[in-house]
C-alpha atoms as a PDB file:
ATOM      1  CA  MET A   1     -35.413 -27.290   4.783  1.00  0.00           C
ATOM      2  CA  ASN A   2     -33.140 -24.624   6.319  1.00  0.00           C
ATOM      3  CA  ASN A   3     -35.147 -22.099   8.379  1.00  0.00           C
ATOM      4  CA  LYS A   4     -32.074 -20.299   9.681  1.00  0.00           C
ATOM      5  CA  THR A   5     -32.374 -16.514   9.394  1.00  0.00           C
ATOM      6  CA  SER A   6     -29.858 -15.155   6.924  1.00  0.00           C
ATOM      7  CA  PRO A   7     -27.523 -12.456   8.325  1.00  0.00           C
ATOM      8  CA  GLN A   8     -27.300  -8.952   6.882  1.00  0.00           C
ATOM      9  CA  ILE A   9     -24.139  -8.752   4.763  1.00  0.00           C
ATOM     10  CA  GLU A  10     -22.621  -5.389   3.875  1.00  0.00           C
ATOM     11  CA  ILE A  11     -19.593  -4.590   1.716  1.00  0.00           C
ATOM     12  CA  ASP A  12     -17.795  -1.436   2.806  1.00  0.00           C
ATOM     13  CA  GLU A  13     -18.245   1.203   0.092  1.00  0.00           C
ATOM     14  CA  SER A  14     -14.992   2.975   1.030  1.00  0.00           C
ATOM     15  CA  SER A  15     -12.872  -0.205   0.669  1.00  0.00           C
ATOM     16  CA  GLY A  16     -11.256  -1.311  -2.578  1.00  0.00           C
ATOM     17  CA  PHE A  17      -8.642   0.010  -4.953  1.00  0.00           C
ATOM     18  CA  CYS A  18      -7.301   3.493  -4.440  1.00  0.00           C
ATOM     19  CA  PHE A  19      -6.889   5.821  -7.414  1.00  0.00           C
ATOM     20  CA  GLY A  20      -3.244   4.820  -8.029  1.00  0.00           C
ATOM     21  CA  VAL A  21      -3.929   1.085  -8.148  1.00  0.00           C
ATOM     22  CA  THR A  22      -7.044   1.536 -10.315  1.00  0.00           C
ATOM     23  CA  THR A  23      -4.992   3.529 -12.859  1.00  0.00           C
ATOM     24  CA  ALA A  24      -2.168   0.964 -12.902  1.00  0.00           C
ATOM     25  CA  ILE A  25      -4.595  -1.892 -13.589  1.00  0.00           C
ATOM     26  CA  GLN A  26      -6.399   0.075 -16.292  1.00  0.00           C
ATOM     27  CA  LYS A  27      -3.076   0.784 -18.006  1.00  0.00           C
ATOM     28  CA  ALA A  28      -2.153  -2.917 -17.807  1.00  0.00           C
ATOM     29  CA  GLU A  29      -5.498  -3.991 -19.285  1.00  0.00           C
ATOM     30  CA  GLU A  30      -5.216  -1.438 -22.112  1.00  0.00           C
ATOM     31  CA  GLU A  31      -1.759  -2.701 -23.097  1.00  0.00           C
ATOM     32  CA  LEU A  32      -2.732  -6.364 -22.769  1.00  0.00           C
ATOM     33  CA  SER A  33      -5.713  -5.799 -25.064  1.00  0.00           C
ATOM     34  CA  LYS A  34      -3.223  -4.945 -27.866  1.00  0.00           C
ATOM     35  CA  GLY A  35      -1.951  -8.515 -27.774  1.00  0.00           C
ATOM     36  CA  ALA A  36       1.757  -7.794 -27.318  1.00  0.00           C
ATOM     37  CA  PRO A  37       3.704  -9.161 -24.325  1.00  0.00           C
ATOM     38  CA  LEU A  38       3.652  -6.908 -21.254  1.00  0.00           C
ATOM     39  CA  TYR A  39       5.947  -7.285 -18.306  1.00  0.00           C
ATOM     40  CA  CYS A  40       5.319  -5.813 -14.841  1.00  0.00           C
ATOM     41  CA  LEU A  41       8.218  -5.032 -12.528  1.00  0.00           C
ATOM     42  CA  GLY A  42       7.031  -6.607  -9.260  1.00  0.00           C
ATOM     43  CA  ASP A  43       3.441  -7.523  -8.315  1.00  0.00           C
ATOM     44  CA  ILE A  44       1.151  -4.889  -9.843  1.00  0.00           C
ATOM     45  CA  VAL A  45      -0.828  -4.881  -6.586  1.00  0.00           C
ATOM     46  CA  HIS A  46      -0.274  -6.642  -3.265  1.00  0.00           C
ATOM     47  CA  ASN A  47      -3.177  -8.996  -3.813  1.00  0.00           C
ATOM     48  CA  GLY A  48      -2.547 -12.521  -5.049  1.00  0.00           C
ATOM     49  CA  GLN A  49      -6.052 -12.989  -6.476  1.00  0.00           C
ATOM     50  CA  GLU A  50      -5.874  -9.889  -8.666  1.00  0.00           C
ATOM     51  CA  CYS A  51      -2.331 -10.774  -9.778  1.00  0.00           C
ATOM     52  CA  GLU A  52      -3.606 -14.188 -10.882  1.00  0.00           C
ATOM     53  CA  ARG A  53      -6.474 -12.584 -12.823  1.00  0.00           C
ATOM     54  CA  LEU A  54      -4.079 -10.338 -14.757  1.00  0.00           C
ATOM     55  CA  LYS A  55      -1.661 -13.227 -15.286  1.00  0.00           C
ATOM     56  CA  ARG A  56      -4.491 -15.069 -17.079  1.00  0.00           C
ATOM     57  CA  LEU A  57      -4.825 -12.001 -19.326  1.00  0.00           C
ATOM     58  CA  GLY A  58      -1.120 -12.252 -20.179  1.00  0.00           C
ATOM     59  CA  LEU A  59       0.676 -10.035 -17.669  1.00  0.00           C
ATOM     60  CA  LEU A  60       4.173 -11.355 -16.946  1.00  0.00           C
ATOM     61  CA  THR A  61       5.469 -10.376 -13.491  1.00  0.00           C
ATOM     62  CA  ILE A  62       9.253 -10.066 -13.214  1.00  0.00           C
ATOM     63  CA  ASP A  63      11.822  -9.022 -10.609  1.00  0.00           C
ATOM     64  CA  HIS A  64      14.684  -6.555 -11.024  1.00  0.00           C
ATOM     65  CA  GLU A  65      17.158  -9.306 -11.917  1.00  0.00           C
ATOM     66  CA  LYS A  66      15.008 -10.463 -14.850  1.00  0.00           C
ATOM     67  CA  PHE A  67      14.392  -6.834 -15.817  1.00  0.00           C
ATOM     68  CA  GLY A  68      18.134  -6.420 -16.328  1.00  0.00           C
ATOM     69  CA  THR A  69      18.148  -9.207 -18.942  1.00  0.00           C
ATOM     70  CA  LEU A  70      15.339  -7.793 -21.136  1.00  0.00           C
ATOM     71  CA  GLU A  71      15.685  -5.611 -24.220  1.00  0.00           C
ATOM     72  CA  GLU A  72      13.224  -3.842 -26.539  1.00  0.00           C
ATOM     73  CA  VAL A  73      10.079  -4.903 -24.664  1.00  0.00           C
ATOM     74  CA  LYS A  74       7.307  -3.079 -22.792  1.00  0.00           C
ATOM     75  CA  VAL A  75       7.519  -2.977 -19.006  1.00  0.00           C
ATOM     76  CA  LEU A  76       4.869  -1.538 -16.719  1.00  0.00           C
ATOM     77  CA  LEU A  77       5.980   0.243 -13.548  1.00  0.00           C
ATOM     78  CA  ARG A  78       3.316  -0.189 -10.840  1.00  0.00           C
ATOM     79  CA  ALA A  79       1.829   2.491  -8.585  1.00  0.00           C
ATOM     80  CA  HIS A  80       4.600   2.159  -5.949  1.00  0.00           C
ATOM     81  CA  GLY A  81       7.164   3.826  -8.192  1.00  0.00           C
ATOM     82  CA  GLU A  82      10.816   3.070  -8.959  1.00  0.00           C
ATOM     83  CA  PRO A  83      14.221   4.707  -8.317  1.00  0.00           C
ATOM     84  CA  PRO A  84      15.999   6.656 -11.097  1.00  0.00           C
ATOM     85  CA  SER A  85      18.317   3.684 -11.763  1.00  0.00           C
ATOM     86  CA  THR A  86      15.362   1.704 -13.184  1.00  0.00           C
ATOM     87  CA  TYR A  87      14.595   4.390 -15.772  1.00  0.00           C
ATOM     88  CA  GLU A  88      18.266   4.646 -16.713  1.00  0.00           C
ATOM     89  CA  LEU A  89      18.550   0.877 -17.257  1.00  0.00           C
ATOM     90  CA  ALA A  90      15.388   0.939 -19.382  1.00  0.00           C
ATOM     91  CA  ARG A  91      16.913   3.681 -21.539  1.00  0.00           C
ATOM     92  CA  GLN A  92      20.084   1.673 -22.035  1.00  0.00           C
ATOM     93  CA  LYS A  93      18.145  -1.481 -22.926  1.00  0.00           C
ATOM     94  CA  HIS A  94      15.623   0.301 -25.200  1.00  0.00           C
ATOM     95  CA  ILE A  95      12.766  -0.837 -22.947  1.00  0.00           C
ATOM     96  CA  GLU A  96       9.497   1.057 -23.320  1.00  0.00           C
ATOM     97  CA  ILE A  97       8.240   2.069 -19.902  1.00  0.00           C
ATOM     98  CA  ILE A  98       4.500   2.132 -19.239  1.00  0.00           C
ATOM     99  CA  ASP A  99       4.662   4.362 -16.167  1.00  0.00           C
ATOM    100  CA  ALA A 100       1.805   3.738 -13.739  1.00  0.00           C
ATOM    101  CA  THR A 101       3.486   5.371 -10.734  1.00  0.00           C
ATOM    102  CA  CYS A 102       0.798   6.891  -8.507  1.00  0.00           C
ATOM    103  CA  PRO A 103       0.715  10.702  -8.887  1.00  0.00           C
ATOM    104  CA  VAL A 104       0.925  11.069  -5.074  1.00  0.00           C
ATOM    105  CA  VAL A 105       4.094   8.923  -5.006  1.00  0.00           C
ATOM    106  CA  LEU A 106       5.527  10.781  -8.011  1.00  0.00           C
ATOM    107  CA  ARG A 107       5.111  14.149  -6.278  1.00  0.00           C
ATOM    108  CA  LEU A 108       6.790  12.760  -3.182  1.00  0.00           C
ATOM    109  CA  GLN A 109       9.740  11.419  -5.202  1.00  0.00           C
ATOM    110  CA  LYS A 110      10.241  14.841  -6.776  1.00  0.00           C
ATOM    111  CA  ARG A 111      10.094  16.616  -3.389  1.00  0.00           C
ATOM    112  CA  ILE A 112      12.683  14.280  -1.910  1.00  0.00           C
ATOM    113  CA  LYS A 113      14.991  14.648  -4.915  1.00  0.00           C
ATOM    114  CA  GLN A 114      14.683  18.423  -4.724  1.00  0.00           C
ATOM    115  CA  GLU A 115      15.515  18.285  -0.999  1.00  0.00           C
ATOM    116  CA  TYR A 116      18.527  16.080  -1.699  1.00  0.00           C
ATOM    117  CA  ASP A 117      19.788  18.421  -4.413  1.00  0.00           C
ATOM    118  CA  THR A 118      19.422  21.512  -2.192  1.00  0.00           C
ATOM    119  CA  PRO A 119      22.410  22.161   0.122  1.00  0.00           C
ATOM    120  CA  ALA A 120      21.702  22.527   3.818  1.00  0.00           C
ATOM    121  CA  PRO A 121      21.937  26.085   5.231  1.00  0.00           C
ATOM    122  CA  GLU A 122      25.426  27.296   6.191  1.00  0.00           C
ATOM    123  CA  GLY A 123      26.972  24.095   4.788  1.00  0.00           C
ATOM    124  CA  ARG A 124      25.624  21.955   7.621  1.00  0.00           C
ATOM    125  CA  LYS A 125      24.905  18.281   7.147  1.00  0.00           C
ATOM    126  CA  LYS A 126      21.261  17.246   7.001  1.00  0.00           C
ATOM    127  CA  GLN A 127      19.482  13.942   7.372  1.00  0.00           C
ATOM    128  CA  ILE A 128      16.731  13.085   4.934  1.00  0.00           C
ATOM    129  CA  VAL A 129      14.512  10.714   6.878  1.00  0.00           C
ATOM    130  CA  ILE A 130      11.686   8.561   5.519  1.00  0.00           C
ATOM    131  CA  PHE A 131       9.119   7.052   7.853  1.00  0.00           C
ATOM    132  CA  GLY A 132       8.301   3.817   6.036  1.00  0.00           C
ATOM    133  CA  LYS A 133       8.803   0.081   5.744  1.00  0.00           C
ATOM    134  CA  ASN A 134      12.362  -0.966   4.907  1.00  0.00           C
ATOM    135  CA  GLY A 135      12.485  -2.819   1.605  1.00  0.00           C
ATOM    136  CA  HIS A 136       8.965  -1.771   0.521  1.00  0.00           C
ATOM    137  CA  ALA A 137       8.800  -0.977  -3.194  1.00  0.00           C
ATOM    138  CA  GLU A 138       7.670   2.614  -2.650  1.00  0.00           C
ATOM    139  CA  VAL A 139      10.373   3.243  -0.046  1.00  0.00           C
ATOM    140  CA  LEU A 140      13.090   1.860  -2.358  1.00  0.00           C
ATOM    141  CA  GLY A 141      11.926   4.339  -4.999  1.00  0.00           C
ATOM    142  CA  LEU A 142      12.076   7.206  -2.482  1.00  0.00           C
ATOM    143  CA  VAL A 143      15.517   6.286  -1.158  1.00  0.00           C
ATOM    144  CA  GLY A 144      16.691   6.059  -4.770  1.00  0.00           C
ATOM    145  CA  GLN A 145      16.069   9.795  -5.154  1.00  0.00           C
ATOM    146  CA  THR A 146      18.898  10.396  -2.652  1.00  0.00           C
ATOM    147  CA  ASN A 147      21.463   7.954  -4.121  1.00  0.00           C
ATOM    148  CA  GLY A 148      20.720   5.631  -1.234  1.00  0.00           C
ATOM    149  CA  GLU A 149      21.585   8.192   1.481  1.00  0.00           C
ATOM    150  CA  ALA A 150      18.123   8.699   3.045  1.00  0.00           C
ATOM    151  CA  ILE A 151      17.568   7.134   6.461  1.00  0.00           C
ATOM    152  CA  VAL A 152      14.519   4.866   6.750  1.00  0.00           C
ATOM    153  CA  ILE A 153      12.773   4.592  10.123  1.00  0.00           C
ATOM    154  CA  GLU A 154       9.941   2.148  10.752  1.00  0.00           C
ATOM    155  CA  ASN A 155       8.742   3.386  14.157  1.00  0.00           C
ATOM    156  CA  LEU A 156       9.231   5.793  17.034  1.00  0.00           C
ATOM    157  CA  GLU A 157      11.995   3.687  18.598  1.00  0.00           C
ATOM    158  CA  GLU A 158      14.073   3.969  15.442  1.00  0.00           C
ATOM    159  CA  ALA A 159      13.381   7.716  15.287  1.00  0.00           C
ATOM    160  CA  LYS A 160      15.070   8.012  18.723  1.00  0.00           C
ATOM    161  CA  GLN A 161      18.331   6.828  17.121  1.00  0.00           C
ATOM    162  CA  LEU A 162      18.579   9.860  14.799  1.00  0.00           C
ATOM    163  CA  ASP A 163      21.307  12.435  15.276  1.00  0.00           C
ATOM    164  CA  PHE A 164      19.504  15.406  16.850  1.00  0.00           C
ATOM    165  CA  ASN A 165      22.551  17.624  16.361  1.00  0.00           C
ATOM    166  CA  LYS A 166      22.069  17.585  12.568  1.00  0.00           C
ATOM    167  CA  ASP A 167      19.302  19.125  10.453  1.00  0.00           C
ATOM    168  CA  ILE A 168      16.414  16.697   9.855  1.00  0.00           C
ATOM    169  CA  ARG A 169      13.970  16.644   6.931  1.00  0.00           C
ATOM    170  CA  LEU A 170      11.205  14.106   7.582  1.00  0.00           C
ATOM    171  CA  TYR A 171       8.942  12.569   4.950  1.00  0.00           C
ATOM    172  CA  SER A 172       6.560   9.591   5.053  1.00  0.00           C
ATOM    173  CA  GLN A 173       5.726   6.648   2.857  1.00  0.00           C
ATOM    174  CA  THR A 174       2.260   7.474   1.482  1.00  0.00           C
ATOM    175  CA  THR A 175       0.458   4.584   3.164  1.00  0.00           C
ATOM    176  CA  LYS A 176       1.745   4.917   6.739  1.00  0.00           C
ATOM    177  CA  SER A 177      -0.278   5.693   9.851  1.00  0.00           C
ATOM    178  CA  LEU A 178      -0.920   9.402  10.367  1.00  0.00           C
ATOM    179  CA  ASP A 179      -1.036   8.975  14.153  1.00  0.00           C
ATOM    180  CA  GLU A 180       2.385   7.282  14.213  1.00  0.00           C
ATOM    181  CA  PHE A 181       3.833  10.003  11.965  1.00  0.00           C
ATOM    182  CA  ARG A 182       2.585  12.684  14.374  1.00  0.00           C
ATOM    183  CA  GLU A 183       4.122  10.854  17.337  1.00  0.00           C
ATOM    184  CA  ILE A 184       7.508  10.836  15.571  1.00  0.00           C
ATOM    185  CA  VAL A 185       7.199  14.533  14.710  1.00  0.00           C
ATOM    186  CA  ALA A 186       6.415  15.420  18.327  1.00  0.00           C
ATOM    187  CA  TYR A 187       9.390  13.402  19.612  1.00  0.00           C
ATOM    188  CA  ILE A 188      11.847  15.004  17.190  1.00  0.00           C
ATOM    189  CA  GLN A 189      10.485  18.499  17.977  1.00  0.00           C
ATOM    190  CA  ALA A 190      11.070  17.856  21.667  1.00  0.00           C
ATOM    191  CA  HIS A 191      14.635  16.567  21.205  1.00  0.00           C
ATOM    192  CA  ILE A 192      16.160  18.434  18.271  1.00  0.00           C
ATOM    193  CA  ALA A 193      19.145  20.624  19.214  1.00  0.00           C
ATOM    194  CA  PRO A 194      18.419  24.397  19.215  1.00  0.00           C
ATOM    195  CA  HIS A 195      21.211  25.209  16.728  1.00  0.00           C
ATOM    196  CA  VAL A 196      19.830  22.951  13.907  1.00  0.00           C
ATOM    197  CA  THR A 197      16.583  22.842  11.961  1.00  0.00           C
ATOM    198  CA  PHE A 198      13.785  20.317  11.701  1.00  0.00           C
ATOM    199  CA  GLN A 199      11.241  20.365   8.894  1.00  0.00           C
ATOM    200  CA  PHE A 200       8.605  17.705   8.360  1.00  0.00           C
ATOM    201  CA  TYR A 201       6.255  17.017   5.495  1.00  0.00           C
ATOM    202  CA  ASP A 202       3.047  15.055   5.937  1.00  0.00           C
ATOM    203  CA  THR A 203       3.137  13.101   2.683  1.00  0.00           C
ATOM    204  CA  ILE A 204       0.596  10.444   3.678  1.00  0.00           C
ATOM    205  CA  CYS A 205      -2.056   9.850   1.013  1.00  0.00           C
ATOM    206  CA  ARG A 206      -5.376  11.141   2.297  1.00  0.00           C
ATOM    207  CA  GLN A 207      -7.261   8.494   0.330  1.00  0.00           C
ATOM    208  CA  VAL A 208      -5.539   5.996   2.609  1.00  0.00           C
ATOM    209  CA  ALA A 209      -5.522   8.062   5.835  1.00  0.00           C
ATOM    210  CA  ASN A 210      -9.237   8.851   5.513  1.00  0.00           C
ATOM    211  CA  ARG A 211     -10.008   5.134   5.464  1.00  0.00           C
ATOM    212  CA  MET A 212      -8.955   4.817   9.093  1.00  0.00           C
ATOM    213  CA  PRO A 213     -12.037   6.495  10.611  1.00  0.00           C
ATOM    214  CA  GLU A 214     -14.260   4.985   7.890  1.00  0.00           C
ATOM    215  CA  ILE A 215     -13.099   1.439   8.567  1.00  0.00           C
ATOM    216  CA  ARG A 216     -13.436   1.928  12.345  1.00  0.00           C
ATOM    217  CA  ARG A 217     -17.065   2.988  11.923  1.00  0.00           C
ATOM    218  CA  PHE A 218     -17.759   0.105   9.555  1.00  0.00           C
ATOM    219  CA  ALA A 219     -16.164  -2.557  11.791  1.00  0.00           C
ATOM    220  CA  ALA A 220     -18.021  -1.288  14.864  1.00  0.00           C
ATOM    221  CA  ALA A 221     -21.358  -1.582  13.061  1.00  0.00           C
ATOM    222  CA  HIS A 222     -21.206  -5.381  12.565  1.00  0.00           C
ATOM    223  CA  ASP A 223     -21.155  -8.535  14.699  1.00  0.00           C
ATOM    224  CA  LEU A 224     -18.546 -10.148  12.488  1.00  0.00           C
ATOM    225  CA  VAL A 225     -16.038  -8.604  10.054  1.00  0.00           C
ATOM    226  CA  PHE A 226     -14.038 -10.227   7.269  1.00  0.00           C
ATOM    227  CA  PHE A 227     -11.096  -8.058   6.189  1.00  0.00           C
ATOM    228  CA  VAL A 228     -10.099  -9.206   2.700  1.00  0.00           C
ATOM    229  CA  CYS A 229      -6.477  -8.476   1.946  1.00  0.00           C
ATOM    230  CA  GLY A 230      -3.287  -9.946   0.498  1.00  0.00           C
ATOM    231  CA  HIS A 231      -0.644 -10.765   3.066  1.00  0.00           C
ATOM    232  CA  LYS A 232       1.943  -8.453   1.423  1.00  0.00           C
ATOM    233  CA  SER A 233      -0.199  -5.324   1.708  1.00  0.00           C
ATOM    234  CA  SER A 234       1.403  -2.703   3.913  1.00  0.00           C
ATOM    235  CA  ASN A 235      -1.664  -0.551   4.272  1.00  0.00           C
ATOM    236  CA  GLY A 236      -3.815  -3.686   4.694  1.00  0.00           C
ATOM    237  CA  LYS A 237      -1.947  -4.571   7.895  1.00  0.00           C
ATOM    238  CA  ILE A 238      -2.650  -1.090   9.304  1.00  0.00           C
ATOM    239  CA  LEU A 239      -6.333  -1.088   8.354  1.00  0.00           C
ATOM    240  CA  TYR A 240      -6.904  -4.605   9.674  1.00  0.00           C
ATOM    241  CA  GLN A 241      -5.458  -3.611  13.049  1.00  0.00           C
ATOM    242  CA  GLU A 242      -7.933  -0.698  13.135  1.00  0.00           C
ATOM    243  CA  CYS A 243     -10.765  -3.214  12.576  1.00  0.00           C
ATOM    244  CA  ARG A 244      -9.472  -5.386  15.409  1.00  0.00           C
ATOM    245  CA  LYS A 245      -9.256  -2.462  17.827  1.00  0.00           C
ATOM    246  CA  VAL A 246     -12.957  -1.639  17.522  1.00  0.00           C
ATOM    247  CA  ASN A 247     -14.241  -5.163  16.794  1.00  0.00           C
ATOM    248  CA  PRO A 248     -12.184  -8.130  18.091  1.00  0.00           C
ATOM    249  CA  ASN A 249     -14.492 -10.384  16.037  1.00  0.00           C
ATOM    250  CA  SER A 250     -12.607  -9.347  12.862  1.00  0.00           C
ATOM    251  CA  TYR A 251     -10.721 -11.835  10.697  1.00  0.00           C
ATOM    252  CA  GLN A 252      -8.240 -11.284   7.877  1.00  0.00           C
ATOM    253  CA  ILE A 253      -8.722 -13.512   4.836  1.00  0.00           C
ATOM    254  CA  ASP A 254      -6.978 -13.600   1.468  1.00  0.00           C
ATOM    255  CA  GLN A 255      -9.742 -15.361  -0.458  1.00  0.00           C
ATOM    256  CA  PRO A 256     -13.336 -16.668  -0.045  1.00  0.00           C
ATOM    257  CA  GLU A 257     -12.117 -20.219   0.614  1.00  0.00           C
ATOM    258  CA  GLU A 258     -10.669 -19.060   3.951  1.00  0.00           C
ATOM    259  CA  ILE A 259     -14.083 -18.135   5.392  1.00  0.00           C
ATOM    260  CA  ASP A 260     -14.732 -20.330   8.449  1.00  0.00           C
ATOM    261  CA  ARG A 261     -18.356 -21.476   8.405  1.00  0.00           C
ATOM    262  CA  ASN A 262     -18.390 -21.826  12.178  1.00  0.00           C
ATOM    263  CA  LEU A 263     -17.884 -18.058  12.562  1.00  0.00           C
ATOM    264  CA  LEU A 264     -21.161 -17.409  10.757  1.00  0.00           C
ATOM    265  CA  GLN A 265     -23.403 -19.264  13.221  1.00  0.00           C
ATOM    266  CA  GLN A 266     -24.261 -16.441  15.648  1.00  0.00           C
ATOM    267  CA  ALA A 267     -23.658 -13.422  13.399  1.00  0.00           C
ATOM    268  CA  ARG A 268     -26.722 -11.360  12.506  1.00  0.00           C
ATOM    269  CA  SER A 269     -24.675  -8.682  10.787  1.00  0.00           C
ATOM    270  CA  ILE A 270     -21.539  -9.390   8.731  1.00  0.00           C
ATOM    271  CA  GLY A 271     -19.235  -6.733   7.275  1.00  0.00           C
ATOM    272  CA  ILE A 272     -16.794  -7.265   4.414  1.00  0.00           C
ATOM    273  CA  CYS A 273     -14.052  -4.709   3.891  1.00  0.00           C
ATOM    274  CA  GLY A 274     -10.497  -4.515   2.607  1.00  0.00           C
ATOM    275  CA  ALA A 275      -7.360  -2.599   1.757  1.00  0.00           C
ATOM    276  CA  THR A 276      -6.498  -0.190  -1.048  1.00  0.00           C
ATOM    277  CA  SER A 277      -5.125  -3.262  -2.839  1.00  0.00           C
ATOM    278  CA  THR A 278      -8.314  -5.320  -2.498  1.00  0.00           C
ATOM    279  CA  PRO A 279     -10.481  -5.599  -5.667  1.00  0.00           C
ATOM    280  CA  LYS A 280     -14.226  -5.114  -5.336  1.00  0.00           C
ATOM    281  CA  TRP A 281     -14.856  -8.356  -7.239  1.00  0.00           C
ATOM    282  CA  LEU A 282     -13.023 -10.305  -4.517  1.00  0.00           C
ATOM    283  CA  MET A 283     -15.152  -8.804  -1.751  1.00  0.00           C
ATOM    284  CA  GLU A 284     -18.273  -9.637  -3.810  1.00  0.00           C
ATOM    285  CA  ALA A 285     -16.997 -13.237  -4.140  1.00  0.00           C
ATOM    286  CA  CYS A 286     -16.669 -13.391  -0.334  1.00  0.00           C
ATOM    287  CA  LYS A 287     -20.253 -12.241   0.052  1.00  0.00           C
ATOM    288  CA  GLU A 288     -21.445 -14.955  -2.347  1.00  0.00           C
ATOM    289  CA  THR A 289     -19.515 -17.590  -0.404  1.00  0.00           C
ATOM    290  CA  ILE A 290     -21.141 -16.488   2.867  1.00  0.00           C
ATOM    291  CA  LEU A 291     -24.578 -16.624   1.291  1.00  0.00           C
ATOM    292  CA  SER A 292     -23.817 -20.061  -0.109  1.00  0.00           C
ATOM    293  CA  LEU A 293     -22.579 -21.395   3.257  1.00  0.00           C
ATOM    294  CA  ASN A 294     -25.703 -20.050   4.956  1.00  0.00           C
ATOM    295  CA  ARG A 295     -27.928 -21.859   2.451  1.00  0.00           C
ATOM    296  CA  GLN A 296     -26.311 -25.174   3.322  1.00  0.00           C
ATOM    297  CA  PRO A 297     -28.095 -27.243   5.971  1.00  0.00           C
ATOM    298  CA  GLY A 298     -26.304 -27.847   9.222  1.00  0.00           C
END
């Protein structure tokens, strides 16, 4: 008989899919329920477990190369968004687009395109700068609004390489750190030449940014934290680091099978949280695994 006291296990209420991801998955499920083939351009969400679940329902994930070979099919565009060239190719190939681009990303794309189409004052040259991860799907869609001319910076060090004698218009990928964005803004303000202009736009999604203080509070309240997240998730990396800062006893896992039983021995309070790309059902599965491991003798 196992007399070991079971730990308290809490799933973070503020973790789980953001609005954009929820909408994209709902659209995919609606189309799949009709029985016709549905392609998705890139992983619908940066979570391998959820991608596998939708694959079992019939969702076919493709890359841009495969997309170029298709004709007269349905293709879902995920929450991250796509550049204008994707829509143009779909038109040429008579592909029906199921557009699940997040409304926050869509607004940002339009703002960047409008900026690109607006000449700089007095005919000066301006730099459209995006604080984001090079090669990330959302960033590729944003850069596409400028015919590939936007400059992508990943951190403050790269911001220091900008030309401070030219006008700068700064935007941010929606899932970046608000604190880092503010650091970059402060640096540019301090170094921009007096004869040019600098305008910045805080385009970080508040649903993501607001999770920072929430996840700090949650991680600090537990002896042990499991952060459930796919390894490709950009915002997952940021949120996990926040967990680690306040609670070094935090561990990132992709699936329940990665839970180390040895970590559970001394924990009286266990927290389970995740990224905006982490499904609630996966966090629930992690809780069940912990309960199961605690029931086992040893």
